[in-house]
């Protein structure tokens, strides 16, 4: 991608530091994002914000035929791995997980901030599984790094606002 990562940051990410990963992804996104032209109208930007930003390469994913017990390691797209991990951790069917990811991941954000009925256990399980599968995520992020990275940042960003220390420490 045209840059190197400091050894200390590499070590933190590889040891599972959620905050280091988020910081890295934010910096990467800033580096990859094209500058916004001054001629773009604000209303067009607001319209784009309202559209759900799903990761690239998801045209082949059929949510109705998805096997919710499929091992996430076998996922072939970023959306599929997220649906599988979240569904298995939160004990939700794929359609409900997909609904949580809609509208810019706002519903998933609400769960990360408030918990599930005040409890964060299932969410911590979900985030820990995301961490365990970080190599799978990296491979899937490379498929279409711009859209996938933006989606992944939207998914994880709310964890920084959580009321749970466990979620914040990741």
N, C-alpha and C. Protein backbone atom coordinates (compact mmCIF):
# COMPACT_ATOMS: atom_id res chain seq x y z
N UNK A 1 0.81 -1.21 0.00
CA UNK A 1 0.00 0.00 0.00
C UNK A 1 0.85 1.26 0.00
N UNK A 2 2.16 1.09 0.02
CA UNK A 2 3.01 2.25 -0.12
C UNK A 2 3.51 2.86 1.16
N UNK A 3 3.38 2.21 2.29
CA UNK A 3 3.93 2.74 3.53
C UNK A 3 4.28 1.57 4.46
N UNK A 4 5.11 1.89 5.44
CA UNK A 4 5.49 0.86 6.41
C UNK A 4 4.88 1.21 7.76
N UNK A 5 4.75 0.20 8.56
CA UNK A 5 4.14 0.35 9.87
C UNK A 5 5.21 0.19 10.94
N UNK A 6 5.25 1.09 11.89
CA UNK A 6 6.24 1.03 12.96
C UNK A 6 6.12 -0.31 13.70
N UNK A 7 7.25 -0.85 14.11
CA UNK A 7 7.29 -2.15 14.78
C UNK A 7 6.42 -2.16 16.04
N UNK A 8 6.41 -1.06 16.79
CA UNK A 8 5.61 -1.00 18.02
C UNK A 8 4.12 -1.12 17.70
N UNK A 9 3.68 -0.44 16.65
CA UNK A 9 2.27 -0.50 16.26
C UNK A 9 1.94 -1.89 15.74
N UNK A 10 2.84 -2.47 14.94
CA UNK A 10 2.64 -3.83 14.45
C UNK A 10 2.44 -4.79 15.62
N UNK A 11 3.29 -4.65 16.62
CA UNK A 11 3.22 -5.53 17.79
C UNK A 11 1.90 -5.36 18.52
N UNK A 12 1.47 -4.12 18.71
CA UNK A 12 0.21 -3.86 19.41
C UNK A 12 -0.97 -4.48 18.65
N UNK A 13 -0.97 -4.31 17.34
CA UNK A 13 -2.06 -4.85 16.52
C UNK A 13 -2.05 -6.37 16.58
N UNK A 14 -0.87 -6.97 16.45
CA UNK A 14 -0.77 -8.42 16.46
C UNK A 14 -1.09 -9.03 17.83
N UNK A 15 -0.89 -8.26 18.89
CA UNK A 15 -1.24 -8.76 20.22
C UNK A 15 -2.70 -8.51 20.55
N UNK A 16 -3.43 -7.89 19.63
CA UNK A 16 -4.87 -7.76 19.79
C UNK A 16 -5.35 -6.44 20.35
N UNK A 17 -4.57 -5.38 20.25
CA UNK A 17 -5.00 -4.08 20.75
C UNK A 17 -6.02 -3.49 19.79
N UNK A 18 -7.26 -3.44 20.25
CA UNK A 18 -8.35 -2.91 19.44
C UNK A 18 -8.12 -1.45 19.11
N UNK A 19 -7.66 -0.68 20.10
CA UNK A 19 -7.45 0.76 19.88
C UNK A 19 -6.34 1.00 18.86
N UNK A 20 -5.27 0.18 18.89
CA UNK A 20 -4.21 0.33 17.90
C UNK A 20 -4.72 0.00 16.51
N UNK A 21 -5.57 -1.02 16.40
CA UNK A 21 -6.13 -1.39 15.11
C UNK A 21 -7.02 -0.27 14.57
N UNK A 22 -7.86 0.29 15.43
CA UNK A 22 -8.75 1.37 14.99
C UNK A 22 -7.93 2.58 14.55
N UNK A 23 -6.90 2.93 15.32
CA UNK A 23 -6.04 4.05 14.96
C UNK A 23 -5.37 3.81 13.61
N UNK A 24 -4.87 2.59 13.42
CA UNK A 24 -4.24 2.23 12.14
C UNK A 24 -5.24 2.35 10.99
N UNK A 25 -6.46 1.83 11.18
CA UNK A 25 -7.46 1.88 10.12
C UNK A 25 -7.87 3.32 9.80
N UNK A 26 -7.95 4.17 10.81
CA UNK A 26 -8.29 5.58 10.58
C UNK A 26 -7.19 6.26 9.77
N UNK A 27 -5.94 6.02 10.16
CA UNK A 27 -4.82 6.63 9.41
C UNK A 27 -4.78 6.11 7.98
N UNK A 28 -5.02 4.82 7.81
CA UNK A 28 -5.03 4.22 6.48
C UNK A 28 -6.14 4.82 5.63
N UNK A 29 -7.31 4.99 6.24
CA UNK A 29 -8.44 5.57 5.51
C UNK A 29 -8.13 6.99 5.07
N UNK A 30 -7.53 7.78 5.97
CA UNK A 30 -7.18 9.15 5.61
C UNK A 30 -6.19 9.19 4.46
N UNK A 31 -5.24 8.25 4.49
CA UNK A 31 -4.21 8.21 3.45
C UNK A 31 -4.80 7.80 2.10
N UNK A 32 -5.77 6.89 2.13
CA UNK A 32 -6.34 6.36 0.90
C UNK A 32 -7.46 7.21 0.34
N UNK A 33 -8.11 8.00 1.20
CA UNK A 33 -9.27 8.77 0.77
C UNK A 33 -8.85 9.90 -0.17
N UNK A 34 -9.53 10.03 -1.31
CA UNK A 34 -9.21 11.13 -2.21
C UNK A 34 -9.70 12.44 -1.63
N UNK A 35 -9.02 13.55 -1.93
CA UNK A 35 -9.48 14.84 -1.41
C UNK A 35 -10.86 15.18 -1.98
N UNK A 36 -11.68 15.78 -1.16
CA UNK A 36 -13.03 16.15 -1.59
C UNK A 36 -12.95 17.46 -2.35
N UNK A 37 -13.54 17.46 -3.53
CA UNK A 37 -13.54 18.66 -4.35
C UNK A 37 -14.45 19.70 -3.74
N UNK A 38 -14.02 20.94 -3.78
CA UNK A 38 -14.79 22.03 -3.19
C UNK A 38 -16.12 22.23 -3.92
N UNK A 39 -16.19 21.77 -5.17
CA UNK A 39 -17.40 21.98 -5.95
C UNK A 39 -18.53 21.03 -5.57
N UNK A 40 -18.24 19.99 -4.78
CA UNK A 40 -19.31 19.07 -4.39
C UNK A 40 -20.28 19.79 -3.47
N UNK A 41 -21.55 19.54 -3.70
CA UNK A 41 -22.54 20.20 -2.86
C UNK A 41 -22.72 19.45 -1.54
N UNK A 42 -23.08 20.18 -0.52
CA UNK A 42 -23.29 19.59 0.80
C UNK A 42 -24.48 18.64 0.76
N UNK A 43 -25.52 18.99 -0.01
CA UNK A 43 -26.69 18.12 -0.06
C UNK A 43 -26.34 16.76 -0.66
N UNK A 44 -25.46 16.72 -1.64
CA UNK A 44 -25.07 15.45 -2.23
C UNK A 44 -24.33 14.60 -1.20
N UNK A 45 -23.46 15.23 -0.39
CA UNK A 45 -22.75 14.51 0.67
C UNK A 45 -23.73 13.95 1.68
N UNK A 46 -24.74 14.73 2.06
CA UNK A 46 -25.72 14.26 3.03
C UNK A 46 -26.55 13.11 2.47
N UNK A 47 -26.85 13.15 1.16
CA UNK A 47 -27.58 12.06 0.54
C UNK A 47 -26.74 10.78 0.59
N UNK A 48 -25.46 10.89 0.33
CA UNK A 48 -24.57 9.73 0.36
C UNK A 48 -24.48 9.15 1.76
N UNK A 49 -24.49 10.02 2.79
CA UNK A 49 -24.40 9.54 4.17
C UNK A 49 -25.60 8.70 4.54
N UNK A 50 -26.78 9.01 3.99
CA UNK A 50 -27.99 8.29 4.34
C UNK A 50 -28.03 6.90 3.72
N UNK A 51 -27.33 6.68 2.62
CA UNK A 51 -27.32 5.38 1.98
C UNK A 51 -26.50 4.41 2.82
N UNK A 52 -27.00 3.17 2.97
CA UNK A 52 -26.19 2.20 3.69
C UNK A 52 -24.94 1.89 2.88
N UNK A 53 -23.80 1.94 3.53
CA UNK A 53 -22.53 1.71 2.85
C UNK A 53 -22.06 0.30 3.16
N UNK A 54 -22.45 -0.60 2.30
CA UNK A 54 -22.06 -2.00 2.48
C UNK A 54 -20.75 -2.24 1.75
N UNK A 55 -20.00 -3.21 2.22
CA UNK A 55 -18.73 -3.49 1.57
C UNK A 55 -18.90 -4.01 0.16
N UNK A 56 -17.82 -3.89 -0.60
CA UNK A 56 -17.82 -4.30 -1.99
C UNK A 56 -17.86 -5.81 -2.12
N UNK A 57 -18.23 -6.26 -3.30
CA UNK A 57 -18.18 -7.68 -3.60
C UNK A 57 -19.29 -8.48 -2.94
N UNK A 58 -20.37 -7.84 -2.55
CA UNK A 58 -21.41 -8.54 -1.83
C UNK A 58 -22.58 -8.94 -2.72
N UNK A 59 -22.48 -8.74 -4.02
CA UNK A 59 -23.59 -9.04 -4.92
C UNK A 59 -23.94 -10.52 -4.92
N UNK A 60 -22.97 -11.38 -4.65
CA UNK A 60 -23.19 -12.81 -4.70
C UNK A 60 -23.78 -13.37 -3.41
N UNK A 61 -23.79 -12.62 -2.34
CA UNK A 61 -24.24 -13.11 -1.04
C UNK A 61 -25.76 -13.16 -1.01
N UNK A 62 -26.30 -14.36 -0.83
CA UNK A 62 -27.75 -14.55 -0.74
C UNK A 62 -28.09 -14.81 0.72
N UNK A 63 -28.64 -13.84 1.38
CA UNK A 63 -28.92 -13.90 2.80
C UNK A 63 -29.92 -15.00 3.14
N UNK A 64 -30.84 -15.29 2.21
CA UNK A 64 -31.84 -16.32 2.45
C UNK A 64 -31.25 -17.73 2.43
N UNK A 65 -30.20 -17.93 1.67
CA UNK A 65 -29.56 -19.24 1.56
C UNK A 65 -28.33 -19.38 2.46
N UNK A 66 -28.04 -18.35 3.23
CA UNK A 66 -26.85 -18.35 4.07
C UNK A 66 -26.99 -19.34 5.22
N UNK A 67 -25.94 -20.11 5.47
CA UNK A 67 -25.92 -21.07 6.58
C UNK A 67 -25.37 -20.34 7.81
N UNK A 68 -26.21 -20.04 8.80
CA UNK A 68 -25.75 -19.27 9.96
C UNK A 68 -24.74 -20.00 10.84
N UNK A 69 -24.63 -21.32 10.67
CA UNK A 69 -23.66 -22.06 11.48
C UNK A 69 -22.35 -22.32 10.73
N UNK A 70 -22.22 -21.75 9.55
CA UNK A 70 -20.99 -21.88 8.77
C UNK A 70 -19.83 -21.25 9.55
N UNK A 71 -18.68 -21.91 9.60
CA UNK A 71 -17.53 -21.31 10.29
C UNK A 71 -17.12 -19.99 9.62
N UNK A 72 -16.97 -18.91 10.39
CA UNK A 72 -16.62 -17.61 9.80
C UNK A 72 -15.31 -17.65 9.01
N UNK A 73 -14.42 -18.56 9.36
CA UNK A 73 -13.14 -18.68 8.65
C UNK A 73 -13.34 -19.03 7.18
N UNK A 74 -14.51 -19.59 6.84
CA UNK A 74 -14.79 -20.01 5.47
C UNK A 74 -15.53 -18.93 4.67
N UNK A 75 -15.74 -17.78 5.27
CA UNK A 75 -16.45 -16.70 4.59
C UNK A 75 -15.64 -16.22 3.39
N UNK A 76 -16.36 -15.83 2.35
CA UNK A 76 -15.70 -15.37 1.12
C UNK A 76 -15.85 -13.88 0.89
N UNK A 77 -16.53 -13.18 1.80
CA UNK A 77 -16.67 -11.73 1.66
C UNK A 77 -16.67 -11.11 3.05
N UNK A 78 -16.37 -9.83 3.09
CA UNK A 78 -16.34 -9.11 4.37
C UNK A 78 -17.72 -9.11 5.03
N UNK A 79 -18.75 -8.87 4.26
CA UNK A 79 -20.10 -8.85 4.83
C UNK A 79 -20.47 -10.22 5.38
N UNK A 80 -20.11 -11.27 4.68
CA UNK A 80 -20.44 -12.61 5.15
C UNK A 80 -19.74 -12.92 6.47
N UNK A 81 -18.48 -12.59 6.60
CA UNK A 81 -17.76 -12.88 7.85
C UNK A 81 -18.34 -12.07 9.01
N UNK A 82 -18.72 -10.84 8.75
CA UNK A 82 -19.32 -10.00 9.80
C UNK A 82 -20.67 -10.57 10.22
N UNK A 83 -21.49 -10.96 9.26
CA UNK A 83 -22.80 -11.53 9.57
C UNK A 83 -22.65 -12.82 10.36
N UNK A 84 -21.72 -13.67 9.95
CA UNK A 84 -21.53 -14.95 10.64
C UNK A 84 -21.05 -14.75 12.08
N UNK A 85 -20.04 -13.91 12.25
CA UNK A 85 -19.50 -13.68 13.60
C UNK A 85 -20.55 -13.02 14.50
N UNK A 86 -21.17 -11.97 14.02
CA UNK A 86 -22.16 -11.26 14.83
C UNK A 86 -23.37 -12.16 15.10
N UNK A 87 -23.81 -12.89 14.10
CA UNK A 87 -24.96 -13.77 14.28
C UNK A 87 -24.70 -14.86 15.31
N UNK A 88 -23.52 -15.47 15.22
CA UNK A 88 -23.19 -16.53 16.16
C UNK A 88 -22.95 -15.99 17.57
N UNK A 89 -22.32 -14.83 17.67
CA UNK A 89 -22.03 -14.24 18.99
C UNK A 89 -23.28 -13.69 19.66
N UNK A 90 -24.12 -13.04 18.88
CA UNK A 90 -25.32 -12.40 19.43
C UNK A 90 -26.56 -13.30 19.35
N UNK A 91 -26.37 -14.50 18.78
CA UNK A 91 -27.45 -15.47 18.62
C UNK A 91 -28.62 -14.87 17.84
N UNK A 92 -28.28 -14.30 16.67
CA UNK A 92 -29.28 -13.69 15.80
C UNK A 92 -29.22 -14.34 14.43
N UNK A 93 -30.37 -14.42 13.73
CA UNK A 93 -30.34 -14.92 12.35
C UNK A 93 -29.70 -13.88 11.43
N UNK A 94 -29.19 -14.32 10.28
CA UNK A 94 -28.49 -13.40 9.36
C UNK A 94 -29.29 -12.16 8.98
N UNK A 95 -30.59 -12.28 8.78
CA UNK A 95 -31.39 -11.11 8.38
C UNK A 95 -31.40 -10.05 9.49
N UNK A 96 -31.42 -10.47 10.74
CA UNK A 96 -31.41 -9.50 11.84
C UNK A 96 -30.04 -8.84 11.96
N UNK A 97 -28.99 -9.60 11.73
CA UNK A 97 -27.65 -9.00 11.76
C UNK A 97 -27.52 -7.98 10.64
N UNK A 98 -28.02 -8.33 9.46
CA UNK A 98 -27.97 -7.40 8.33
C UNK A 98 -28.73 -6.12 8.66
N UNK A 99 -29.85 -6.25 9.36
CA UNK A 99 -30.61 -5.06 9.77
C UNK A 99 -29.80 -4.20 10.73
N UNK A 100 -29.01 -4.83 11.62
CA UNK A 100 -28.15 -4.07 12.54
C UNK A 100 -27.09 -3.27 11.78
N UNK A 101 -26.68 -3.79 10.62
CA UNK A 101 -25.61 -3.14 9.85
C UNK A 101 -26.13 -2.06 8.91
N UNK A 102 -27.43 -2.00 8.72
CA UNK A 102 -28.01 -1.00 7.84
C UNK A 102 -27.87 0.41 8.40
N UNK A 103 -28.14 1.38 7.58
CA UNK A 103 -28.13 2.79 7.97
C UNK A 103 -26.79 3.18 8.60
N UNK A 104 -25.71 2.79 7.94
CA UNK A 104 -24.38 3.17 8.41
C UNK A 104 -23.99 2.50 9.72
N UNK A 105 -24.51 1.31 9.96
CA UNK A 105 -24.21 0.52 11.18
C UNK A 105 -24.73 1.19 12.44
N UNK A 106 -25.73 2.05 12.32
CA UNK A 106 -26.24 2.77 13.49
C UNK A 106 -26.82 1.86 14.56
N UNK A 107 -27.49 0.79 14.16
CA UNK A 107 -28.10 -0.10 15.14
C UNK A 107 -27.03 -0.92 15.86
N UNK A 108 -26.02 -1.34 15.13
CA UNK A 108 -24.91 -2.04 15.75
C UNK A 108 -24.17 -1.09 16.70
N UNK A 109 -24.06 0.15 16.28
CA UNK A 109 -23.43 1.18 17.12
C UNK A 109 -24.19 1.33 18.44
N UNK A 110 -25.50 1.33 18.34
CA UNK A 110 -26.31 1.45 19.56
C UNK A 110 -26.02 0.30 20.52
N UNK A 111 -25.89 -0.91 19.98
CA UNK A 111 -25.57 -2.06 20.83
C UNK A 111 -24.20 -1.90 21.49
N UNK A 112 -23.21 -1.45 20.73
CA UNK A 112 -21.87 -1.29 21.28
C UNK A 112 -21.84 -0.25 22.40
N UNK A 113 -22.62 0.80 22.24
CA UNK A 113 -22.63 1.87 23.23
C UNK A 113 -23.46 1.49 24.46
N UNK A 114 -24.64 0.94 24.25
CA UNK A 114 -25.57 0.67 25.36
C UNK A 114 -25.55 -0.77 25.85
N UNK A 115 -25.05 -1.70 25.03
CA UNK A 115 -25.08 -3.11 25.41
C UNK A 115 -26.39 -3.75 25.02
N UNK A 116 -26.50 -5.05 25.25
CA UNK A 116 -27.73 -5.79 25.01
C UNK A 116 -28.40 -5.94 26.36
N UNK A 117 -29.46 -5.16 26.57
CA UNK A 117 -30.14 -5.11 27.87
C UNK A 117 -29.14 -4.81 28.99
N UNK A 118 -28.21 -3.90 28.70
CA UNK A 118 -27.22 -3.48 29.69
C UNK A 118 -26.03 -4.41 29.84
N UNK A 119 -26.02 -5.51 29.11
CA UNK A 119 -24.94 -6.49 29.20
C UNK A 119 -24.05 -6.41 27.96
N UNK A 120 -22.77 -6.58 28.16
CA UNK A 120 -21.82 -6.48 27.06
C UNK A 120 -21.13 -7.82 26.74
N UNK A 121 -21.51 -8.89 27.43
CA UNK A 121 -20.84 -10.18 27.26
C UNK A 121 -20.85 -10.69 25.83
N UNK A 122 -22.02 -10.70 25.19
CA UNK A 122 -22.12 -11.18 23.81
C UNK A 122 -21.35 -10.27 22.86
N UNK A 123 -21.37 -8.98 23.12
CA UNK A 123 -20.64 -8.04 22.26
C UNK A 123 -19.13 -8.24 22.40
N UNK A 124 -18.67 -8.48 23.61
CA UNK A 124 -17.25 -8.76 23.81
C UNK A 124 -16.85 -10.04 23.09
N UNK A 125 -17.70 -11.04 23.14
CA UNK A 125 -17.45 -12.28 22.40
C UNK A 125 -17.34 -11.99 20.91
N UNK A 126 -18.23 -11.16 20.41
CA UNK A 126 -18.23 -10.79 18.99
C UNK A 126 -16.94 -10.07 18.62
N UNK A 127 -16.56 -9.06 19.39
CA UNK A 127 -15.35 -8.29 19.10
C UNK A 127 -14.10 -9.15 19.25
N UNK A 128 -14.08 -10.04 20.23
CA UNK A 128 -12.93 -10.94 20.39
C UNK A 128 -12.82 -11.89 19.19
N UNK A 129 -13.95 -12.32 18.68
CA UNK A 129 -13.93 -13.19 17.49
C UNK A 129 -13.43 -12.40 16.28
N UNK A 130 -13.85 -11.14 16.18
CA UNK A 130 -13.32 -10.28 15.10
C UNK A 130 -11.80 -10.22 15.21
N UNK A 131 -11.30 -10.05 16.42
CA UNK A 131 -9.86 -9.97 16.64
C UNK A 131 -9.18 -11.28 16.23
N UNK A 132 -9.76 -12.41 16.63
CA UNK A 132 -9.19 -13.71 16.28
C UNK A 132 -9.12 -13.91 14.77
N UNK A 133 -10.07 -13.34 14.07
CA UNK A 133 -10.15 -13.51 12.62
C UNK A 133 -9.51 -12.34 11.87
N UNK A 134 -8.64 -11.59 12.53
CA UNK A 134 -8.07 -10.38 11.92
C UNK A 134 -7.37 -10.67 10.60
N UNK A 135 -6.69 -11.80 10.50
CA UNK A 135 -6.02 -12.13 9.23
C UNK A 135 -7.04 -12.33 8.11
N UNK A 136 -8.16 -12.97 8.44
CA UNK A 136 -9.22 -13.15 7.45
C UNK A 136 -9.77 -11.79 7.01
N UNK A 137 -9.96 -10.89 7.99
CA UNK A 137 -10.47 -9.55 7.68
C UNK A 137 -9.51 -8.81 6.75
N UNK A 138 -8.22 -8.90 7.02
CA UNK A 138 -7.23 -8.20 6.20
C UNK A 138 -7.32 -8.70 4.76
N UNK A 139 -7.40 -10.00 4.58
CA UNK A 139 -7.50 -10.55 3.23
C UNK A 139 -8.76 -10.06 2.52
N UNK A 140 -9.87 -10.04 3.24
CA UNK A 140 -11.12 -9.59 2.64
C UNK A 140 -11.13 -8.08 2.42
N UNK A 141 -10.44 -7.33 3.28
CA UNK A 141 -10.34 -5.88 3.10
C UNK A 141 -9.57 -5.55 1.82
N UNK A 142 -8.61 -6.38 1.49
CA UNK A 142 -7.80 -6.14 0.29
C UNK A 142 -8.60 -6.30 -0.99
N UNK A 143 -9.69 -7.04 -0.95
CA UNK A 143 -10.49 -7.29 -2.15
C UNK A 143 -10.95 -5.98 -2.80
N UNK A 144 -11.40 -5.07 -2.01
CA UNK A 144 -11.80 -3.74 -2.48
C UNK A 144 -11.58 -2.81 -1.30
N UNK A 145 -10.33 -2.47 -1.08
CA UNK A 145 -9.92 -1.81 0.16
C UNK A 145 -10.68 -0.53 0.46
N UNK A 146 -11.02 0.26 -0.53
CA UNK A 146 -11.65 1.54 -0.23
C UNK A 146 -13.03 1.36 0.40
N UNK A 147 -13.91 0.61 -0.24
CA UNK A 147 -15.26 0.44 0.29
C UNK A 147 -15.26 -0.43 1.54
N UNK A 148 -14.48 -1.50 1.52
CA UNK A 148 -14.45 -2.41 2.67
C UNK A 148 -13.88 -1.73 3.90
N UNK A 149 -12.84 -0.94 3.73
CA UNK A 149 -12.23 -0.25 4.87
C UNK A 149 -13.21 0.76 5.46
N UNK A 150 -13.90 1.49 4.61
CA UNK A 150 -14.88 2.46 5.09
C UNK A 150 -15.97 1.76 5.90
N UNK A 151 -16.45 0.63 5.40
CA UNK A 151 -17.49 -0.12 6.10
C UNK A 151 -16.97 -0.64 7.44
N UNK A 152 -15.76 -1.17 7.44
CA UNK A 152 -15.18 -1.73 8.67
C UNK A 152 -15.00 -0.64 9.72
N UNK A 153 -14.56 0.54 9.30
CA UNK A 153 -14.42 1.65 10.24
C UNK A 153 -15.77 2.07 10.82
N UNK A 154 -16.80 2.09 9.97
CA UNK A 154 -18.14 2.43 10.45
C UNK A 154 -18.62 1.41 11.47
N UNK A 155 -18.26 0.16 11.25
CA UNK A 155 -18.68 -0.90 12.15
C UNK A 155 -18.00 -0.80 13.51
N UNK A 156 -16.71 -0.50 13.54
CA UNK A 156 -15.94 -0.51 14.78
C UNK A 156 -15.92 0.82 15.53
N UNK A 157 -16.11 1.91 14.82
CA UNK A 157 -16.02 3.25 15.42
C UNK A 157 -16.90 3.42 16.67
N UNK A 158 -18.12 2.95 16.69
CA UNK A 158 -18.96 3.16 17.87
C UNK A 158 -18.42 2.51 19.14
N UNK A 159 -17.58 1.50 19.00
CA UNK A 159 -16.99 0.87 20.17
C UNK A 159 -16.20 1.85 21.01
N UNK A 160 -15.73 2.92 20.39
CA UNK A 160 -14.97 3.94 21.12
C UNK A 160 -15.86 4.77 22.04
N UNK A 161 -17.17 4.73 21.82
CA UNK A 161 -18.11 5.50 22.61
C UNK A 161 -18.84 4.66 23.65
N UNK A 162 -18.50 3.39 23.73
CA UNK A 162 -19.20 2.45 24.59
C UNK A 162 -19.08 2.83 26.06
N UNK A 163 -20.09 2.42 26.82
CA UNK A 163 -20.08 2.62 28.26
C UNK A 163 -19.38 1.47 28.98
N UNK A 164 -18.99 0.46 28.23
CA UNK A 164 -18.32 -0.70 28.80
C UNK A 164 -16.82 -0.57 28.65
N UNK A 165 -16.10 -0.70 29.75
CA UNK A 165 -14.63 -0.65 29.69
C UNK A 165 -14.09 -1.79 28.85
N UNK A 166 -14.72 -2.94 28.92
CA UNK A 166 -14.29 -4.09 28.13
C UNK A 166 -14.35 -3.81 26.64
N UNK A 167 -15.42 -3.17 26.20
CA UNK A 167 -15.55 -2.81 24.78
C UNK A 167 -14.50 -1.78 24.41
N UNK A 168 -14.28 -0.78 25.26
CA UNK A 168 -13.31 0.26 24.98
C UNK A 168 -11.89 -0.30 24.90
N UNK A 169 -11.56 -1.20 25.77
CA UNK A 169 -10.21 -1.77 25.77
C UNK A 169 -10.02 -2.75 24.63
N UNK A 170 -11.13 -3.37 24.23
CA UNK A 170 -11.11 -4.30 23.12
C UNK A 170 -10.08 -5.34 23.28
